[in-house]
């Protein structure tokens, strides 16, 4: 997963790891590559309850990638584990329920202190952020709305990561 020694490790978490978290992973990874930071900040995604381990992202996420011009790479659904949480410097969940589910996995560690709602980083939202709704059972406009929300949230997250990266030196 993280086979080099990045200074920061970002983990996106959703339910099945086939829509929201792989979309966020691919988008952030694409942005980091374009900024020359891909080796300094590692990105992964996982699900709290992935139904089919090893499954590629939903075809509608692949369509978003094609239409907006970013690669999905070899992302496959995986289960979030205590070890994955422990290695991550930043854990971004899509909904509060995901944070609640991680509490059991992070018992006895400080991993929960690194968990944030991705929507907290979206500019102009109320304190505490807004959840990123699951588009899985929805239509194409729902996927486009989720893309837009994640894209906006990544702007704020990148600002935070750059500050943290400067402090990690």
N, C-alpha and C. Protein backbone atom coordinates (compact mmCIF):
# COMPACT_ATOMS: atom_id res chain seq x y z
N UNK A 1 0.83 -1.18 0.00
CA UNK A 1 0.00 0.00 0.00
C UNK A 1 0.88 1.25 0.00
N UNK A 2 1.53 1.58 1.13
CA UNK A 2 2.44 2.70 1.19
C UNK A 2 3.85 2.12 1.15
N UNK A 3 4.42 1.92 -0.04
CA UNK A 3 5.69 1.22 -0.17
C UNK A 3 6.89 2.15 -0.14
N UNK A 4 6.69 3.42 -0.09
CA UNK A 4 7.78 4.36 0.12
C UNK A 4 7.52 5.06 1.45
N UNK A 5 8.33 6.00 1.82
CA UNK A 5 8.18 6.65 3.12
C UNK A 5 7.67 8.08 2.95
N UNK A 6 6.40 8.23 2.71
CA UNK A 6 5.84 9.58 2.59
C UNK A 6 5.81 10.25 3.96
N UNK A 7 5.77 11.56 3.95
CA UNK A 7 5.70 12.30 5.21
C UNK A 7 4.28 12.31 5.77
N UNK A 8 3.29 12.29 4.90
CA UNK A 8 1.89 12.26 5.32
C UNK A 8 1.19 11.10 4.61
N UNK A 9 0.19 10.55 5.29
CA UNK A 9 -0.60 9.45 4.71
C UNK A 9 -2.07 9.76 4.92
N UNK A 10 -2.78 9.93 3.81
CA UNK A 10 -4.20 10.28 3.84
C UNK A 10 -5.02 9.03 3.53
N UNK A 11 -6.03 8.80 4.35
CA UNK A 11 -6.94 7.67 4.14
C UNK A 11 -8.36 8.20 4.05
N UNK A 12 -9.04 7.91 2.94
CA UNK A 12 -10.45 8.26 2.77
C UNK A 12 -11.28 7.03 3.10
N UNK A 13 -12.37 7.22 3.85
CA UNK A 13 -13.20 6.10 4.28
C UNK A 13 -14.66 6.38 3.94
N UNK A 14 -15.30 5.39 3.31
CA UNK A 14 -16.75 5.42 3.12
C UNK A 14 -17.28 4.03 3.47
N UNK A 15 -18.44 3.69 2.99
CA UNK A 15 -19.05 2.42 3.38
C UNK A 15 -18.46 1.24 2.61
N UNK A 16 -18.65 1.22 1.30
CA UNK A 16 -18.26 0.06 0.50
C UNK A 16 -16.93 0.23 -0.24
N UNK A 17 -16.39 1.44 -0.24
CA UNK A 17 -15.14 1.74 -0.93
C UNK A 17 -15.24 1.50 -2.43
N UNK A 18 -16.40 1.88 -3.00
CA UNK A 18 -16.56 1.77 -4.46
C UNK A 18 -17.03 3.08 -5.10
N UNK A 19 -17.46 4.06 -4.31
CA UNK A 19 -17.92 5.33 -4.89
C UNK A 19 -17.15 6.53 -4.33
N UNK A 20 -17.51 6.95 -3.14
CA UNK A 20 -16.99 8.21 -2.60
C UNK A 20 -15.51 8.16 -2.26
N UNK A 21 -15.09 7.19 -1.48
CA UNK A 21 -13.68 7.19 -1.05
C UNK A 21 -12.71 6.93 -2.21
N UNK A 22 -13.02 6.02 -3.16
CA UNK A 22 -12.07 5.88 -4.27
C UNK A 22 -12.05 7.12 -5.17
N UNK A 23 -13.19 7.81 -5.28
CA UNK A 23 -13.23 9.05 -6.04
C UNK A 23 -12.32 10.09 -5.39
N UNK A 24 -12.44 10.25 -4.08
CA UNK A 24 -11.59 11.20 -3.36
C UNK A 24 -10.12 10.81 -3.46
N UNK A 25 -9.84 9.51 -3.33
CA UNK A 25 -8.46 9.03 -3.44
C UNK A 25 -7.87 9.39 -4.80
N UNK A 26 -8.59 9.07 -5.86
CA UNK A 26 -8.08 9.31 -7.21
C UNK A 26 -7.91 10.81 -7.49
N UNK A 27 -8.87 11.61 -7.05
CA UNK A 27 -8.79 13.06 -7.27
C UNK A 27 -7.61 13.67 -6.53
N UNK A 28 -7.45 13.30 -5.25
CA UNK A 28 -6.33 13.87 -4.49
C UNK A 28 -5.00 13.39 -5.05
N UNK A 29 -4.91 12.13 -5.39
CA UNK A 29 -3.67 11.61 -5.95
C UNK A 29 -3.31 12.35 -7.25
N UNK A 30 -4.31 12.60 -8.09
CA UNK A 30 -4.09 13.33 -9.34
C UNK A 30 -3.57 14.75 -9.05
N UNK A 31 -4.18 15.42 -8.09
CA UNK A 31 -3.74 16.77 -7.75
C UNK A 31 -2.32 16.76 -7.19
N UNK A 32 -2.03 15.80 -6.34
CA UNK A 32 -0.69 15.73 -5.75
C UNK A 32 0.37 15.48 -6.81
N UNK A 33 0.06 14.62 -7.78
CA UNK A 33 1.01 14.37 -8.88
C UNK A 33 1.29 15.66 -9.64
N UNK A 34 0.21 16.42 -9.94
CA UNK A 34 0.39 17.65 -10.71
C UNK A 34 1.17 18.71 -9.93
N UNK A 35 1.18 18.59 -8.60
CA UNK A 35 1.92 19.53 -7.75
C UNK A 35 3.31 19.01 -7.40
N UNK A 36 3.65 17.81 -7.86
CA UNK A 36 4.94 17.23 -7.55
C UNK A 36 5.06 16.72 -6.12
N UNK A 37 3.93 16.39 -5.50
CA UNK A 37 3.92 15.96 -4.10
C UNK A 37 3.53 14.50 -3.89
N UNK A 38 3.42 13.75 -4.97
CA UNK A 38 2.92 12.38 -4.86
C UNK A 38 3.80 11.48 -4.00
N UNK A 39 5.08 11.76 -3.94
CA UNK A 39 5.98 10.92 -3.12
C UNK A 39 6.01 11.38 -1.66
N UNK A 40 5.52 12.56 -1.40
CA UNK A 40 5.55 13.07 -0.03
C UNK A 40 4.25 12.85 0.72
N UNK A 41 3.16 12.69 -0.04
CA UNK A 41 1.85 12.45 0.57
C UNK A 41 1.22 11.23 -0.09
N UNK A 42 1.07 10.17 0.66
CA UNK A 42 0.46 8.94 0.15
C UNK A 42 -1.05 9.01 0.36
N UNK A 43 -1.79 8.40 -0.55
CA UNK A 43 -3.25 8.43 -0.49
C UNK A 43 -3.79 7.03 -0.67
N UNK A 44 -4.78 6.68 0.14
CA UNK A 44 -5.46 5.38 0.04
C UNK A 44 -6.92 5.57 0.39
N UNK A 45 -7.70 4.52 0.18
CA UNK A 45 -9.11 4.55 0.58
C UNK A 45 -9.50 3.16 1.05
N UNK A 46 -10.55 3.12 1.86
CA UNK A 46 -11.04 1.84 2.38
C UNK A 46 -12.50 2.02 2.77
N UNK A 47 -13.15 0.88 3.01
CA UNK A 47 -14.55 0.92 3.40
C UNK A 47 -14.77 0.30 4.77
N UNK A 48 -15.80 0.78 5.45
CA UNK A 48 -16.13 0.20 6.75
C UNK A 48 -16.85 -1.13 6.58
N UNK A 49 -17.57 -1.28 5.46
CA UNK A 49 -18.30 -2.52 5.19
C UNK A 49 -18.28 -2.84 3.70
N UNK A 50 -17.10 -3.06 3.14
CA UNK A 50 -17.06 -3.35 1.70
C UNK A 50 -17.72 -4.68 1.40
N UNK A 51 -18.64 -4.66 0.46
CA UNK A 51 -19.37 -5.87 0.11
C UNK A 51 -18.57 -6.84 -0.73
N UNK A 52 -17.72 -6.31 -1.57
CA UNK A 52 -16.93 -7.15 -2.47
C UNK A 52 -15.49 -6.67 -2.45
N UNK A 53 -14.69 -7.27 -1.61
CA UNK A 53 -13.28 -6.90 -1.55
C UNK A 53 -12.63 -7.11 -2.91
N UNK A 54 -11.80 -6.19 -3.30
CA UNK A 54 -11.11 -6.29 -4.58
C UNK A 54 -11.88 -5.74 -5.76
N UNK A 55 -13.10 -5.29 -5.53
CA UNK A 55 -13.92 -4.76 -6.62
C UNK A 55 -13.39 -3.38 -7.04
N UNK A 56 -13.37 -3.11 -8.35
CA UNK A 56 -12.95 -1.78 -8.81
C UNK A 56 -14.05 -0.75 -8.49
N UNK A 57 -13.74 0.53 -8.60
CA UNK A 57 -14.77 1.54 -8.36
C UNK A 57 -15.98 1.36 -9.27
N UNK A 58 -17.11 1.86 -8.80
CA UNK A 58 -18.36 1.82 -9.54
C UNK A 58 -18.14 2.39 -10.95
N UNK A 59 -18.80 1.82 -11.97
CA UNK A 59 -18.64 2.33 -13.34
C UNK A 59 -18.95 3.82 -13.48
N UNK A 60 -19.84 4.34 -12.65
CA UNK A 60 -20.15 5.77 -12.72
C UNK A 60 -18.99 6.61 -12.20
N UNK A 61 -18.20 6.08 -11.28
CA UNK A 61 -16.98 6.77 -10.84
C UNK A 61 -15.96 6.75 -11.98
N UNK A 62 -15.87 5.62 -12.68
CA UNK A 62 -14.98 5.54 -13.84
C UNK A 62 -15.40 6.55 -14.91
N UNK A 63 -16.69 6.74 -15.09
CA UNK A 63 -17.19 7.73 -16.05
C UNK A 63 -16.79 9.14 -15.62
N UNK A 64 -16.92 9.44 -14.33
CA UNK A 64 -16.48 10.74 -13.82
C UNK A 64 -15.00 10.95 -14.12
N UNK A 65 -14.20 9.92 -13.89
CA UNK A 65 -12.75 10.02 -14.14
C UNK A 65 -12.47 10.34 -15.60
N UNK A 66 -13.17 9.66 -16.49
CA UNK A 66 -12.99 9.93 -17.92
C UNK A 66 -13.42 11.35 -18.27
N UNK A 67 -14.59 11.75 -17.79
CA UNK A 67 -15.13 13.06 -18.16
C UNK A 67 -14.34 14.22 -17.56
N UNK A 68 -13.78 14.04 -16.38
CA UNK A 68 -13.04 15.13 -15.74
C UNK A 68 -11.53 14.99 -15.87
N UNK A 69 -11.08 13.93 -16.53
CA UNK A 69 -9.68 13.80 -16.89
C UNK A 69 -8.71 13.47 -15.78
N UNK A 70 -9.06 12.52 -14.94
CA UNK A 70 -8.12 12.05 -13.92
C UNK A 70 -8.12 10.53 -13.92
N UNK A 71 -6.97 9.91 -13.66
CA UNK A 71 -6.90 8.44 -13.67
C UNK A 71 -7.40 7.83 -12.37
N UNK A 72 -8.03 6.67 -12.48
CA UNK A 72 -8.43 5.93 -11.29
C UNK A 72 -7.30 5.02 -10.80
N UNK A 73 -6.41 4.67 -11.68
CA UNK A 73 -5.33 3.78 -11.29
C UNK A 73 -5.85 2.39 -10.98
N UNK A 74 -5.23 1.74 -10.03
CA UNK A 74 -5.59 0.35 -9.69
C UNK A 74 -6.36 0.26 -8.38
N UNK A 75 -7.18 1.23 -8.11
CA UNK A 75 -7.95 1.24 -6.86
C UNK A 75 -8.89 0.04 -6.82
N UNK A 76 -8.90 -0.64 -5.70
CA UNK A 76 -9.79 -1.78 -5.47
C UNK A 76 -10.35 -1.67 -4.05
N UNK A 77 -11.58 -2.13 -3.88
CA UNK A 77 -12.23 -2.06 -2.57
C UNK A 77 -11.45 -2.85 -1.53
N UNK A 78 -11.24 -2.23 -0.39
CA UNK A 78 -10.58 -2.90 0.72
C UNK A 78 -11.26 -2.51 2.03
N UNK A 79 -11.07 -3.33 3.01
CA UNK A 79 -11.63 -3.12 4.35
C UNK A 79 -10.68 -2.24 5.16
N UNK A 80 -11.22 -1.26 5.86
CA UNK A 80 -10.39 -0.48 6.76
C UNK A 80 -9.99 -1.37 7.94
N UNK A 81 -8.74 -1.28 8.34
CA UNK A 81 -8.22 -2.12 9.42
C UNK A 81 -7.58 -1.23 10.49
N UNK A 82 -7.39 -1.76 11.69
CA UNK A 82 -6.68 -0.98 12.71
C UNK A 82 -5.28 -0.55 12.24
N UNK A 83 -4.58 -1.42 11.55
CA UNK A 83 -3.23 -1.09 11.08
C UNK A 83 -3.26 0.06 10.07
N UNK A 84 -4.22 0.03 9.17
CA UNK A 84 -4.35 1.09 8.18
C UNK A 84 -4.66 2.42 8.86
N UNK A 85 -5.53 2.39 9.84
CA UNK A 85 -5.84 3.60 10.61
C UNK A 85 -4.60 4.12 11.33
N UNK A 86 -3.88 3.23 11.94
CA UNK A 86 -2.71 3.62 12.74
C UNK A 86 -1.64 4.27 11.88
N UNK A 87 -1.46 3.79 10.65
CA UNK A 87 -0.43 4.33 9.75
C UNK A 87 -0.82 5.67 9.14
N UNK A 88 -2.09 6.01 9.17
CA UNK A 88 -2.58 7.21 8.48
C UNK A 88 -2.45 8.45 9.36
N UNK A 89 -1.94 9.52 8.76
CA UNK A 89 -1.82 10.78 9.49
C UNK A 89 -3.11 11.59 9.41
N UNK A 90 -3.90 11.35 8.37
CA UNK A 90 -5.17 12.06 8.17
C UNK A 90 -6.20 11.03 7.70
N UNK A 91 -7.30 10.92 8.42
CA UNK A 91 -8.38 9.99 8.06
C UNK A 91 -9.62 10.83 7.79
N UNK A 92 -10.11 10.77 6.55
CA UNK A 92 -11.26 11.56 6.15
C UNK A 92 -12.44 10.66 5.88
N UNK A 93 -13.51 10.84 6.64
CA UNK A 93 -14.71 10.04 6.46
C UNK A 93 -15.75 10.85 5.70
N UNK A 94 -16.67 10.15 5.07
CA UNK A 94 -17.70 10.82 4.29
C UNK A 94 -18.92 11.21 5.12
N UNK A 95 -19.21 10.42 6.15
CA UNK A 95 -20.36 10.68 7.01
C UNK A 95 -19.97 10.39 8.46
N UNK A 96 -20.72 10.96 9.39
CA UNK A 96 -20.44 10.74 10.81
C UNK A 96 -20.51 9.26 11.17
N UNK A 97 -21.40 8.51 10.53
CA UNK A 97 -21.53 7.08 10.84
C UNK A 97 -20.20 6.35 10.61
N UNK A 98 -19.42 6.79 9.65
CA UNK A 98 -18.13 6.16 9.39
C UNK A 98 -17.17 6.41 10.55
N UNK A 99 -17.19 7.61 11.08
CA UNK A 99 -16.36 7.92 12.25
C UNK A 99 -16.77 7.05 13.43
N UNK A 100 -18.08 6.90 13.61
CA UNK A 100 -18.59 6.06 14.69
C UNK A 100 -18.12 4.61 14.53
N UNK A 101 -18.14 4.12 13.28
CA UNK A 101 -17.71 2.74 13.02
C UNK A 101 -16.21 2.56 13.24
N UNK A 102 -15.44 3.61 12.99
CA UNK A 102 -13.99 3.52 13.20
C UNK A 102 -13.62 3.50 14.67
N UNK A 103 -14.50 4.00 15.52
CA UNK A 103 -14.21 4.05 16.96
C UNK A 103 -13.87 2.67 17.51
N UNK A 104 -14.57 1.65 17.06
CA UNK A 104 -14.29 0.29 17.52
C UNK A 104 -12.95 -0.22 17.05
N UNK A 105 -12.56 0.16 15.85
CA UNK A 105 -11.27 -0.29 15.31
C UNK A 105 -10.09 0.43 15.95
N UNK A 106 -10.34 1.65 16.40
CA UNK A 106 -9.25 2.47 16.92
C UNK A 106 -9.14 2.42 18.43
N UNK A 107 -9.86 1.52 19.06
CA UNK A 107 -9.84 1.45 20.53
C UNK A 107 -8.41 1.30 21.03
N UNK A 108 -8.05 2.13 21.99
CA UNK A 108 -6.72 2.04 22.59
C UNK A 108 -5.63 2.76 21.83
N UNK A 109 -5.98 3.46 20.76
CA UNK A 109 -4.96 4.21 20.02
C UNK A 109 -5.42 5.66 19.88
N UNK A 110 -4.54 6.48 19.34
CA UNK A 110 -4.91 7.88 19.13
C UNK A 110 -5.43 8.13 17.71
N UNK A 111 -5.72 7.07 16.98
CA UNK A 111 -6.16 7.20 15.59
C UNK A 111 -7.42 8.04 15.45
N UNK A 112 -8.34 7.96 16.40
CA UNK A 112 -9.58 8.74 16.28
C UNK A 112 -9.32 10.23 16.30
N UNK A 113 -8.22 10.65 16.89
CA UNK A 113 -7.91 12.09 16.91
C UNK A 113 -7.54 12.60 15.51
N UNK A 114 -7.27 11.68 14.59
CA UNK A 114 -6.91 12.06 13.22
C UNK A 114 -8.07 11.94 12.25
N UNK A 115 -9.26 11.60 12.75
CA UNK A 115 -10.44 11.40 11.90
C UNK A 115 -11.20 12.72 11.78
N UNK A 116 -11.51 13.09 10.55
CA UNK A 116 -12.31 14.29 10.26
C UNK A 116 -13.32 13.96 9.18
N UNK A 117 -14.40 14.69 9.19
CA UNK A 117 -15.39 14.62 8.11
C UNK A 117 -14.81 15.39 6.92
N UNK A 118 -14.74 14.77 5.76
CA UNK A 118 -14.17 15.45 4.60
C UNK A 118 -14.86 16.78 4.35
N UNK A 119 -16.18 16.82 4.55
CA UNK A 119 -16.95 18.04 4.32
C UNK A 119 -16.56 19.20 5.22
N UNK A 120 -15.77 18.96 6.26
CA UNK A 120 -15.28 20.06 7.11
C UNK A 120 -14.35 20.98 6.33
N UNK A 121 -13.75 20.47 5.28
CA UNK A 121 -12.78 21.24 4.52
C UNK A 121 -13.41 22.04 3.38
N UNK A 122 -14.70 21.90 3.19
CA UNK A 122 -15.38 22.63 2.13
C UNK A 122 -15.62 24.06 2.59
N UNK A 123 -15.20 25.02 1.80
CA UNK A 123 -15.33 26.42 2.16
C UNK A 123 -16.80 26.82 2.28
N UNK A 124 -17.09 27.61 3.30
CA UNK A 124 -18.42 28.17 3.46
C UNK A 124 -19.45 27.25 4.09
N UNK A 125 -19.02 26.14 4.65
CA UNK A 125 -19.98 25.24 5.30
C UNK A 125 -19.99 25.53 6.80
N UNK A 126 -21.06 25.15 7.49
CA UNK A 126 -21.13 25.39 8.93
C UNK A 126 -20.07 24.57 9.67
N UNK A 127 -19.72 25.01 10.89
CA UNK A 127 -18.77 24.24 11.69
C UNK A 127 -19.20 22.78 11.79
N UNK A 128 -18.23 21.89 11.70
CA UNK A 128 -18.54 20.47 11.74
C UNK A 128 -18.69 19.88 10.35
N UNK A 129 -18.81 20.74 9.34
CA UNK A 129 -18.87 20.27 7.97
C UNK A 129 -20.19 19.67 7.56
N UNK A 130 -20.21 19.17 6.35
CA UNK A 130 -21.40 18.53 5.80
C UNK A 130 -21.02 17.15 5.30
N UNK A 131 -21.92 16.18 5.43
CA UNK A 131 -21.60 14.84 4.93
C UNK A 131 -21.59 14.80 3.41
N UNK A 132 -20.86 13.84 2.88
CA UNK A 132 -20.89 13.56 1.44
C UNK A 132 -21.85 12.38 1.29
N UNK A 133 -23.00 12.64 0.71
CA UNK A 133 -24.05 11.62 0.60
C UNK A 133 -23.62 10.49 -0.33
N UNK A 134 -24.09 9.29 -0.03
CA UNK A 134 -23.77 8.12 -0.84
C UNK A 134 -24.59 8.16 -2.13
N UNK A 135 -23.93 8.24 -3.29
CA UNK A 135 -24.67 8.31 -4.54
C UNK A 135 -25.03 6.95 -5.14
N UNK A 136 -24.62 5.86 -4.50
CA UNK A 136 -24.69 4.53 -5.09
C UNK A 136 -26.06 4.19 -5.68
N UNK A 137 -27.12 4.46 -4.94
CA UNK A 137 -28.46 4.10 -5.42
C UNK A 137 -29.13 5.24 -6.18
N UNK A 138 -28.37 6.28 -6.45
CA UNK A 138 -28.93 7.45 -7.13
C UNK A 138 -28.66 7.45 -8.62
N UNK A 139 -28.87 8.61 -9.20
CA UNK A 139 -28.72 8.77 -10.65
C UNK A 139 -27.42 9.52 -10.97
N UNK A 140 -27.19 9.73 -12.26
CA UNK A 140 -25.97 10.38 -12.71
C UNK A 140 -25.79 11.79 -12.12
N UNK A 141 -26.83 12.62 -12.08
CA UNK A 141 -26.65 13.94 -11.46
C UNK A 141 -26.21 13.85 -9.99
N UNK A 142 -26.62 12.81 -9.29
CA UNK A 142 -26.17 12.61 -7.91
C UNK A 142 -24.67 12.35 -7.84
N UNK A 143 -24.15 11.58 -8.79
CA UNK A 143 -22.71 11.34 -8.85
C UNK A 143 -21.95 12.62 -9.19
N UNK A 144 -22.52 13.41 -10.09
CA UNK A 144 -21.87 14.67 -10.43
C UNK A 144 -21.84 15.63 -9.24
N UNK A 145 -22.91 15.63 -8.45
CA UNK A 145 -22.96 16.47 -7.25
C UNK A 145 -21.93 16.02 -6.22
N UNK A 146 -21.77 14.72 -6.06
CA UNK A 146 -20.77 14.19 -5.13
C UNK A 146 -19.37 14.55 -5.61
N UNK A 147 -19.13 14.44 -6.91
CA UNK A 147 -17.83 14.84 -7.46
C UNK A 147 -17.55 16.30 -7.11
N UNK A 148 -18.53 17.18 -7.35
CA UNK A 148 -18.34 18.61 -7.09
C UNK A 148 -18.06 18.87 -5.61
N UNK A 149 -18.78 18.19 -4.74
CA UNK A 149 -18.58 18.38 -3.30
C UNK A 149 -17.20 17.90 -2.86
N UNK A 150 -16.80 16.74 -3.34
CA UNK A 150 -15.47 16.21 -2.99
C UNK A 150 -14.38 17.13 -3.55
N UNK A 151 -14.55 17.57 -4.77
CA UNK A 151 -13.57 18.46 -5.40
C UNK A 151 -13.39 19.74 -4.58
N UNK A 152 -14.49 20.34 -4.15
CA UNK A 152 -14.41 21.55 -3.33
C UNK A 152 -13.77 21.27 -1.97
N UNK A 153 -14.11 20.14 -1.38
CA UNK A 153 -13.54 19.78 -0.08
C UNK A 153 -12.04 19.55 -0.18
N UNK A 154 -11.59 19.01 -1.31
CA UNK A 154 -10.16 18.76 -1.48
C UNK A 154 -9.36 20.06 -1.53
N UNK A 155 -9.98 21.15 -1.97
CA UNK A 155 -9.28 22.44 -1.95
C UNK A 155 -8.83 22.77 -0.54
N UNK A 156 -9.77 22.70 0.40
CA UNK A 156 -9.45 22.99 1.79
C UNK A 156 -8.52 21.96 2.41
N UNK A 157 -8.73 20.70 2.07
CA UNK A 157 -7.87 19.64 2.60
C UNK A 157 -6.43 19.85 2.13
N UNK A 158 -6.25 20.20 0.87
CA UNK A 158 -4.90 20.44 0.35
C UNK A 158 -4.20 21.56 1.10
N UNK A 159 -4.93 22.61 1.42
CA UNK A 159 -4.35 23.70 2.21
C UNK A 159 -3.82 23.16 3.55
N UNK A 160 -4.64 22.34 4.20
CA UNK A 160 -4.25 21.76 5.49
C UNK A 160 -3.03 20.86 5.33
N UNK A 161 -3.03 20.03 4.27
CA UNK A 161 -1.91 19.11 4.04
C UNK A 161 -0.61 19.87 3.78
N UNK A 162 -0.69 20.97 3.05
CA UNK A 162 0.52 21.75 2.78
C UNK A 162 1.09 22.35 4.06
N UNK A 163 0.22 22.80 4.94
CA UNK A 163 0.67 23.31 6.25
C UNK A 163 1.32 22.18 7.04
N UNK A 164 0.65 21.04 7.09
CA UNK A 164 1.19 19.90 7.84
C UNK A 164 2.50 19.39 7.24
N UNK A 165 2.59 19.43 5.93
CA UNK A 165 3.82 19.00 5.26
C UNK A 165 4.98 19.92 5.62
N UNK A 166 4.73 21.21 5.66
CA UNK A 166 5.77 22.18 6.02
C UNK A 166 6.22 21.96 7.46
N UNK A 167 5.31 21.59 8.33
CA UNK A 167 5.65 21.35 9.74
C UNK A 167 6.35 20.01 9.93
N UNK A 168 6.19 19.09 8.99
CA UNK A 168 6.78 17.75 9.11
C UNK A 168 8.25 17.74 8.73
N UNK A 169 8.74 18.80 8.18
CA UNK A 169 10.15 18.83 7.72
C UNK A 169 11.11 18.78 8.84
